[in-house]
Amino acid sequence: MCLSKCDEDGFEIPNECGFVKVGSIWERDDDVSIIGGDVHLESLDNVSDFGWLEITFDDLKENFVRI
């Protein structure tokens, strides 16, 4: 999954993208919203280009498997 990168203030960084690696492990945190996404995920294994993600419910259903 390829996503646009954001700075520490939650603003999109023009022309910068990162990848979420297949098999990476994420934890959902419903108490956090930095950029207003439907779902906030925190990386548990730091193998992807992101420490956290905010995505839509549809992206969560299409690209992640609950374990």
Protein backbone atom coordinates (compact mmCIF):
# COMPACT_ATOMS: atom_id res chain seq x y z
CA MET A 1 0.00 0.00 0.00
CA CYS A 2 1.42 3.38 -1.01
CA LEU A 3 0.37 6.48 0.95
CA SER A 4 1.33 10.14 1.01
CA LYS A 5 3.64 11.14 3.86
CA CYS A 6 2.73 13.81 6.42
CA ASP A 7 4.96 15.98 8.58
CA GLU A 8 4.85 16.06 12.39
CA ASP A 9 2.02 18.62 12.24
CA GLY A 10 -0.16 16.38 10.07
CA PHE A 11 0.32 18.27 6.79
CA GLU A 12 0.90 16.29 3.60
CA ILE A 13 4.46 16.52 2.27
CA PRO A 14 4.27 17.24 -1.48
CA ASN A 15 5.65 14.50 -3.74
CA GLU A 16 6.61 12.18 -0.85
CA CYS A 17 5.07 8.74 -0.49
CA GLY A 18 5.80 5.78 1.73
CA PHE A 19 4.90 2.11 1.68
CA VAL A 20 3.09 -0.12 4.14
CA LYS A 21 4.84 -3.47 3.95
CA VAL A 22 2.77 -6.62 3.51
CA GLY A 23 2.77 -8.54 6.79
CA SER A 24 3.53 -5.49 8.94
CA ILE A 25 1.72 -5.33 12.29
CA TRP A 26 -0.45 -2.39 13.33
CA GLU A 27 -2.57 -1.56 16.36
CA ARG A 28 -5.78 0.45 16.09
CA ASP A 29 -6.15 3.42 18.46
CA ASP A 30 -9.62 4.96 18.46
CA ASP A 31 -8.55 7.69 20.94
CA VAL A 32 -6.16 9.41 18.50
CA SER A 33 -6.84 11.46 15.37
CA ILE A 34 -3.99 13.58 13.98
CA ILE A 35 -5.17 14.31 10.44
CA GLY A 36 -8.86 13.41 10.72
CA GLY A 37 -8.78 9.91 9.27
CA ASP A 38 -11.51 7.40 10.12
CA VAL A 39 -9.02 4.94 11.64
CA HIS A 40 -5.68 5.63 13.38
CA LEU A 41 -3.13 2.79 13.33
CA GLU A 42 0.21 2.65 15.17
CA SER A 43 3.07 0.51 13.83
CA LEU A 44 4.13 -2.26 16.21
CA ASP A 45 7.08 -3.58 14.21
CA ASN A 46 8.52 -0.50 12.44
CA VAL A 47 9.13 -2.29 9.13
CA SER A 48 7.08 0.16 7.05
CA ASP A 49 7.83 3.77 6.12
CA PHE A 50 5.34 5.05 8.71
CA GLY A 51 5.12 5.05 12.50
CA TRP A 52 1.40 5.74 12.30
CA LEU A 53 -1.36 5.88 9.67
CA GLU A 54 -4.77 7.40 9.39
CA ILE A 55 -6.95 5.83 6.72
CA THR A 56 -10.59 5.42 5.76
CA PHE A 57 -12.75 2.53 6.96
CA ASP A 58 -12.82 1.26 3.36
CA ASP A 59 -8.99 1.21 3.15
CA LEU A 60 -8.86 -0.65 6.46
CA LYS A 61 -11.26 -3.33 5.18
CA GLU A 62 -9.50 -3.65 1.80
CA ASN A 63 -5.88 -3.70 2.99
CA PHE A 64 -5.69 -5.10 6.52
CA VAL A 65 -6.54 -8.39 8.22
CA ARG A 66 -7.45 -8.51 11.89
CA ILE A 67 -5.29 -10.89 13.92
